[in-house]
């Protein structure tokens, strides 16, 4: 009987089904940023179709797209901006988050972490305390870590304080509209 119970206990975790709107980093299906997270990202990135220098002097276009092809005088269509965002999310940022998160997560948690990684870079995200806390199951501690990522060029920026507050709210389950409203309240 003891042997039977031990075998049963060993297979029960494998039978666990993800909760609705929960994703598993190991799922073979295509995982992507959800519409709520995309709305927050687009709100805070904004979309500029002519290349410009961001707050730290990096050439940027579209929804915060950077790279060696972005230079003075570059102009995109709205479709190019949408395509570049979708491509970078699918190729770089969603896989970058999934690579280091070792537990199941809700879609809102994934969305907030992808927005953070999109803004700070995958490398910085990988080395963050936020990742360690998420993997340890400390949701509140991980949520509070968003608020630490508010500097650009070594200085805190109001726009980043607002964005991180919105990311934190999204991570904890707020809708995009609620998260943006919460972020906008930061002064």
C-alpha atoms as a PDB file:
ATOM      1  CA  UNK A   1       0.000   0.000   0.000  1.00  0.00           C
ATOM      2  CA  UNK A   2       2.827   2.418   0.850  1.00  0.00           C
ATOM      3  CA  UNK A   3       4.400   1.739  -2.548  1.00  0.00           C
ATOM      4  CA  UNK A   4       1.108   2.523  -4.273  1.00  0.00           C
ATOM      5  CA  UNK A   5       0.735   5.812  -2.383  1.00  0.00           C
ATOM      6  CA  UNK A   6       4.315   6.822  -3.206  1.00  0.00           C
ATOM      7  CA  UNK A   7       3.761   6.123  -6.914  1.00  0.00           C
ATOM      8  CA  UNK A   8       0.519   8.080  -6.817  1.00  0.00           C
ATOM      9  CA  UNK A   9       2.236  11.041  -5.152  1.00  0.00           C
ATOM     10  CA  UNK A  10       4.934  10.958  -7.826  1.00  0.00           C
ATOM     11  CA  UNK A  11       2.489  11.185 -10.722  1.00  0.00           C
ATOM     12  CA  UNK A  12       0.049  13.759  -9.276  1.00  0.00           C
ATOM     13  CA  UNK A  13       2.147  16.817 -10.179  1.00  0.00           C
ATOM     14  CA  UNK A  14       2.218  15.673 -13.801  1.00  0.00           C
ATOM     15  CA  UNK A  15      -1.584  15.581 -13.857  1.00  0.00           C
ATOM     16  CA  UNK A  16      -1.949  19.194 -12.735  1.00  0.00           C
ATOM     17  CA  UNK A  17      -3.600  21.295 -15.418  1.00  0.00           C
ATOM     18  CA  UNK A  18      -2.665  24.978 -15.787  1.00  0.00           C
ATOM     19  CA  UNK A  19      -5.295  27.366 -14.462  1.00  0.00           C
ATOM     20  CA  UNK A  20      -7.093  29.497 -17.040  1.00  0.00           C
ATOM     21  CA  UNK A  21      -4.763  32.187 -18.353  1.00  0.00           C
ATOM     22  CA  UNK A  22      -1.774  30.362 -16.889  1.00  0.00           C
ATOM     23  CA  UNK A  23       1.163  29.512 -19.081  1.00  0.00           C
ATOM     24  CA  UNK A  24       3.960  27.071 -18.534  1.00  0.00           C
ATOM     25  CA  UNK A  25       7.415  27.894 -19.806  1.00  0.00           C
ATOM     26  CA  UNK A  26       7.742  24.304 -20.991  1.00  0.00           C
ATOM     27  CA  UNK A  27       4.506  24.215 -23.029  1.00  0.00           C
ATOM     28  CA  UNK A  28       5.240  23.317 -26.658  1.00  0.00           C
ATOM     29  CA  UNK A  29       2.525  25.622 -28.005  1.00  0.00           C
ATOM     30  CA  UNK A  30       3.481  29.081 -29.117  1.00  0.00           C
ATOM     31  CA  UNK A  31       3.428  31.402 -26.135  1.00  0.00           C
ATOM     32  CA  UNK A  32       3.161  35.097 -26.780  1.00  0.00           C
ATOM     33  CA  UNK A  33       2.507  38.367 -25.036  1.00  0.00           C
ATOM     34  CA  UNK A  34      -1.205  38.824 -24.418  1.00  0.00           C
ATOM     35  CA  UNK A  35      -3.326  41.736 -25.569  1.00  0.00           C
ATOM     36  CA  UNK A  36      -3.351  43.354 -22.112  1.00  0.00           C
ATOM     37  CA  UNK A  37       0.439  43.377 -21.914  1.00  0.00           C
ATOM     38  CA  UNK A  38       0.730  44.587 -25.485  1.00  0.00           C
ATOM     39  CA  UNK A  39      -1.598  47.491 -24.684  1.00  0.00           C
ATOM     40  CA  UNK A  40       0.610  48.521 -21.733  1.00  0.00           C
ATOM     41  CA  UNK A  41       3.796  48.197 -23.791  1.00  0.00           C
ATOM     42  CA  UNK A  42       2.380  50.257 -26.670  1.00  0.00           C
ATOM     43  CA  UNK A  43       1.039  52.899 -24.310  1.00  0.00           C
ATOM     44  CA  UNK A  44       4.391  53.491 -22.631  1.00  0.00           C
ATOM     45  CA  UNK A  45       6.606  53.034 -25.675  1.00  0.00           C
ATOM     46  CA  UNK A  46       4.464  55.166 -27.932  1.00  0.00           C
ATOM     47  CA  UNK A  47       5.016  54.860 -31.659  1.00  0.00           C
ATOM     48  CA  UNK A  48       7.152  57.286 -33.605  1.00  0.00           C
ATOM     49  CA  UNK A  49       7.555  56.609 -37.296  1.00  0.00           C
ATOM     50  CA  UNK A  50      10.600  58.861 -37.721  1.00  0.00           C
ATOM     51  CA  UNK A  51      13.858  57.877 -36.004  1.00  0.00           C
ATOM     52  CA  UNK A  52      14.730  59.890 -32.906  1.00  0.00           C
ATOM     53  CA  UNK A  53      17.225  59.766 -30.051  1.00  0.00           C
ATOM     54  CA  UNK A  54      15.757  58.388 -26.818  1.00  0.00           C
ATOM     55  CA  UNK A  55      16.404  59.794 -23.328  1.00  0.00           C
ATOM     56  CA  UNK A  56      19.927  58.340 -23.278  1.00  0.00           C
ATOM     57  CA  UNK A  57      20.782  59.176 -26.901  1.00  0.00           C
ATOM     58  CA  UNK A  58      20.054  55.834 -28.626  1.00  0.00           C
ATOM     59  CA  UNK A  59      18.508  56.012 -32.114  1.00  0.00           C
ATOM     60  CA  UNK A  60      14.972  54.613 -31.847  1.00  0.00           C
ATOM     61  CA  UNK A  61      11.936  54.171 -34.109  1.00  0.00           C
ATOM     62  CA  UNK A  62       8.496  52.574 -33.964  1.00  0.00           C
ATOM     63  CA  UNK A  63       7.606  51.109 -30.571  1.00  0.00           C
ATOM     64  CA  UNK A  64      11.031  51.625 -29.022  1.00  0.00           C
ATOM     65  CA  UNK A  65      12.862  49.638 -31.700  1.00  0.00           C
ATOM     66  CA  UNK A  66      16.633  50.074 -31.657  1.00  0.00           C
ATOM     67  CA  UNK A  67      19.418  48.498 -33.670  1.00  0.00           C
ATOM     68  CA  UNK A  68      22.180  49.221 -36.138  1.00  0.00           C
ATOM     69  CA  UNK A  69      19.690  49.944 -38.937  1.00  0.00           C
ATOM     70  CA  UNK A  70      18.071  52.781 -36.958  1.00  0.00           C
ATOM     71  CA  UNK A  71      19.692  56.103 -37.853  1.00  0.00           C
ATOM     72  CA  UNK A  72      18.865  59.743 -38.474  1.00  0.00           C
ATOM     73  CA  UNK A  73      16.353  60.231 -41.280  1.00  0.00           C
ATOM     74  CA  UNK A  74      14.870  56.709 -41.140  1.00  0.00           C
ATOM     75  CA  UNK A  75      11.088  56.712 -41.636  1.00  0.00           C
ATOM     76  CA  UNK A  76       8.753  53.726 -41.205  1.00  0.00           C
ATOM     77  CA  UNK A  77       5.126  53.030 -41.969  1.00  0.00           C
ATOM     78  CA  UNK A  78       2.760  52.025 -39.169  1.00  0.00           C
ATOM     79  CA  UNK A  79       2.819  48.474 -40.550  1.00  0.00           C
ATOM     80  CA  UNK A  80       6.631  48.354 -40.332  1.00  0.00           C
ATOM     81  CA  UNK A  81       6.416  49.438 -36.690  1.00  0.00           C
ATOM     82  CA  UNK A  82       3.786  46.765 -35.907  1.00  0.00           C
ATOM     83  CA  UNK A  83       5.783  44.074 -37.733  1.00  0.00           C
ATOM     84  CA  UNK A  84       9.041  44.996 -35.982  1.00  0.00           C
ATOM     85  CA  UNK A  85       7.358  44.891 -32.577  1.00  0.00           C
ATOM     86  CA  UNK A  86       5.687  41.531 -33.236  1.00  0.00           C
ATOM     87  CA  UNK A  87       8.944  40.081 -34.606  1.00  0.00           C
ATOM     88  CA  UNK A  88      11.124  41.219 -31.708  1.00  0.00           C
ATOM     89  CA  UNK A  89       8.601  40.034 -29.123  1.00  0.00           C
ATOM     90  CA  UNK A  90       8.402  36.588 -30.745  1.00  0.00           C
ATOM     91  CA  UNK A  91      12.104  36.244 -31.513  1.00  0.00           C
ATOM     92  CA  UNK A  92      13.786  37.903 -28.563  1.00  0.00           C
ATOM     93  CA  UNK A  93      11.706  39.030 -25.610  1.00  0.00           C
ATOM     94  CA  UNK A  94       9.091  36.330 -24.969  1.00  0.00           C
ATOM     95  CA  UNK A  95      11.701  33.535 -25.405  1.00  0.00           C
ATOM     96  CA  UNK A  96      14.121  35.571 -23.288  1.00  0.00           C
ATOM     97  CA  UNK A  97      11.660  35.646 -20.396  1.00  0.00           C
ATOM     98  CA  UNK A  98      10.613  32.013 -20.798  1.00  0.00           C
ATOM     99  CA  UNK A  99      14.250  30.898 -20.800  1.00  0.00           C
ATOM    100  CA  UNK A 100      14.761  31.897 -17.164  1.00  0.00           C
ATOM    101  CA  UNK A 101      11.308  31.476 -15.604  1.00  0.00           C
ATOM    102  CA  UNK A 102      11.104  27.932 -14.304  1.00  0.00           C
ATOM    103  CA  UNK A 103       7.533  27.789 -13.018  1.00  0.00           C
ATOM    104  CA  UNK A 104       4.015  28.201 -14.358  1.00  0.00           C
ATOM    105  CA  UNK A 105       2.784  31.749 -14.493  1.00  0.00           C
ATOM    106  CA  UNK A 106      -0.362  33.650 -15.306  1.00  0.00           C
ATOM    107  CA  UNK A 107      -0.554  35.492 -18.632  1.00  0.00           C
ATOM    108  CA  UNK A 108      -0.533  38.821 -16.786  1.00  0.00           C
ATOM    109  CA  UNK A 109       2.759  37.893 -15.087  1.00  0.00           C
ATOM    110  CA  UNK A 110       4.341  36.936 -18.401  1.00  0.00           C
ATOM    111  CA  UNK A 111       3.065  40.135 -20.006  1.00  0.00           C
ATOM    112  CA  UNK A 112       4.528  42.365 -17.292  1.00  0.00           C
ATOM    113  CA  UNK A 113       7.887  40.576 -17.386  1.00  0.00           C
ATOM    114  CA  UNK A 114       8.052  40.796 -21.189  1.00  0.00           C
ATOM    115  CA  UNK A 115       7.333  44.530 -20.998  1.00  0.00           C
ATOM    116  CA  UNK A 116      10.136  44.929 -18.461  1.00  0.00           C
ATOM    117  CA  UNK A 117      12.569  42.871 -20.572  1.00  0.00           C
ATOM    118  CA  UNK A 118      11.591  44.862 -23.679  1.00  0.00           C
ATOM    119  CA  UNK A 119      12.461  48.064 -21.855  1.00  0.00           C
ATOM    120  CA  UNK A 120      15.629  47.044 -19.953  1.00  0.00           C
ATOM    121  CA  UNK A 121      16.958  44.277 -22.203  1.00  0.00           C
ATOM    122  CA  UNK A 122      16.928  40.514 -21.844  1.00  0.00           C
ATOM    123  CA  UNK A 123      20.392  40.401 -20.260  1.00  0.00           C
ATOM    124  CA  UNK A 124      19.457  42.775 -17.452  1.00  0.00           C
ATOM    125  CA  UNK A 125      16.179  40.902 -16.969  1.00  0.00           C
ATOM    126  CA  UNK A 126      17.989  37.548 -16.687  1.00  0.00           C
ATOM    127  CA  UNK A 127      20.226  38.840 -13.902  1.00  0.00           C
ATOM    128  CA  UNK A 128      17.439  40.495 -11.929  1.00  0.00           C
ATOM    129  CA  UNK A 129      16.260  39.725  -8.429  1.00  0.00           C
ATOM    130  CA  UNK A 130      12.759  39.756  -9.917  1.00  0.00           C
ATOM    131  CA  UNK A 131      13.527  36.531 -11.821  1.00  0.00           C
ATOM    132  CA  UNK A 132      14.881  34.872  -8.683  1.00  0.00           C
ATOM    133  CA  UNK A 133      11.771  35.851  -6.706  1.00  0.00           C
ATOM    134  CA  UNK A 134       9.363  34.703  -9.447  1.00  0.00           C
ATOM    135  CA  UNK A 135      11.090  31.323  -9.575  1.00  0.00           C
ATOM    136  CA  UNK A 136      10.914  31.094  -5.774  1.00  0.00           C
ATOM    137  CA  UNK A 137       7.149  31.701  -5.921  1.00  0.00           C
ATOM    138  CA  UNK A 138       7.334  35.074  -4.141  1.00  0.00           C
ATOM    139  CA  UNK A 139       4.752  36.923  -6.232  1.00  0.00           C
ATOM    140  CA  UNK A 140       4.492  40.018  -4.030  1.00  0.00           C
ATOM    141  CA  UNK A 141       8.266  40.327  -3.664  1.00  0.00           C
ATOM    142  CA  UNK A 142       8.679  39.926  -7.425  1.00  0.00           C
ATOM    143  CA  UNK A 143       5.976  42.542  -8.068  1.00  0.00           C
ATOM    144  CA  UNK A 144       7.792  45.021  -5.848  1.00  0.00           C
ATOM    145  CA  UNK A 145      11.001  44.507  -7.859  1.00  0.00           C
ATOM    146  CA  UNK A 146       9.415  46.218 -10.880  1.00  0.00           C
ATOM    147  CA  UNK A 147       9.609  49.484  -8.965  1.00  0.00           C
ATOM    148  CA  UNK A 148      13.408  49.306  -8.827  1.00  0.00           C
ATOM    149  CA  UNK A 149      13.812  49.656 -12.629  1.00  0.00           C
ATOM    150  CA  UNK A 150      13.139  53.394 -12.959  1.00  0.00           C
ATOM    151  CA  UNK A 151      16.531  54.799 -13.989  1.00  0.00           C
ATOM    152  CA  UNK A 152      17.856  55.752 -17.414  1.00  0.00           C
ATOM    153  CA  UNK A 153      21.357  57.097 -17.727  1.00  0.00           C
ATOM    154  CA  UNK A 154      21.715  56.716 -13.952  1.00  0.00           C
ATOM    155  CA  UNK A 155      18.785  59.014 -13.174  1.00  0.00           C
ATOM    156  CA  UNK A 156      15.203  58.189 -12.178  1.00  0.00           C
ATOM    157  CA  UNK A 157      12.640  59.197 -14.797  1.00  0.00           C
ATOM    158  CA  UNK A 158       8.976  59.925 -14.131  1.00  0.00           C
ATOM    159  CA  UNK A 159       7.964  58.010 -17.270  1.00  0.00           C
ATOM    160  CA  UNK A 160       9.781  54.903 -16.043  1.00  0.00           C
ATOM    161  CA  UNK A 161       8.286  55.235 -12.559  1.00  0.00           C
ATOM    162  CA  UNK A 162       4.852  55.315 -14.174  1.00  0.00           C
ATOM    163  CA  UNK A 163       5.617  52.387 -16.467  1.00  0.00           C
ATOM    164  CA  UNK A 164       7.012  50.223 -13.670  1.00  0.00           C
ATOM    165  CA  UNK A 165       3.995  50.987 -11.495  1.00  0.00           C
ATOM    166  CA  UNK A 166       1.767  49.892 -14.387  1.00  0.00           C
ATOM    167  CA  UNK A 167       3.895  46.750 -14.907  1.00  0.00           C
ATOM    168  CA  UNK A 168       3.562  45.906 -11.218  1.00  0.00           C
ATOM    169  CA  UNK A 169      -0.223  46.313 -11.368  1.00  0.00           C
ATOM    170  CA  UNK A 170      -0.408  44.204 -14.548  1.00  0.00           C
ATOM    171  CA  UNK A 171       1.785  41.514 -12.940  1.00  0.00           C
ATOM    172  CA  UNK A 172      -0.647  41.342 -10.015  1.00  0.00           C
ATOM    173  CA  UNK A 173      -3.656  40.896 -12.319  1.00  0.00           C
ATOM    174  CA  UNK A 174      -4.890  44.363 -13.287  1.00  0.00           C
ATOM    175  CA  UNK A 175      -6.271  44.920 -16.768  1.00  0.00           C
ATOM    176  CA  UNK A 176      -4.245  47.097 -19.129  1.00  0.00           C
ATOM    177  CA  UNK A 177      -6.664  49.975 -18.573  1.00  0.00           C
ATOM    178  CA  UNK A 178      -6.372  49.656 -14.772  1.00  0.00           C
ATOM    179  CA  UNK A 179      -2.586  49.295 -14.922  1.00  0.00           C
ATOM    180  CA  UNK A 180      -2.171  52.365 -17.137  1.00  0.00           C
ATOM    181  CA  UNK A 181      -4.478  54.380 -14.863  1.00  0.00           C
ATOM    182  CA  UNK A 182      -2.434  53.290 -11.824  1.00  0.00           C
ATOM    183  CA  UNK A 183       0.805  54.226 -13.570  1.00  0.00           C
ATOM    184  CA  UNK A 184      -0.569  57.580 -14.670  1.00  0.00           C
ATOM    185  CA  UNK A 185      -1.360  58.469 -11.059  1.00  0.00           C
ATOM    186  CA  UNK A 186       2.362  58.465 -10.158  1.00  0.00           C
ATOM    187  CA  UNK A 187       3.681  62.006  -9.758  1.00  0.00           C
END
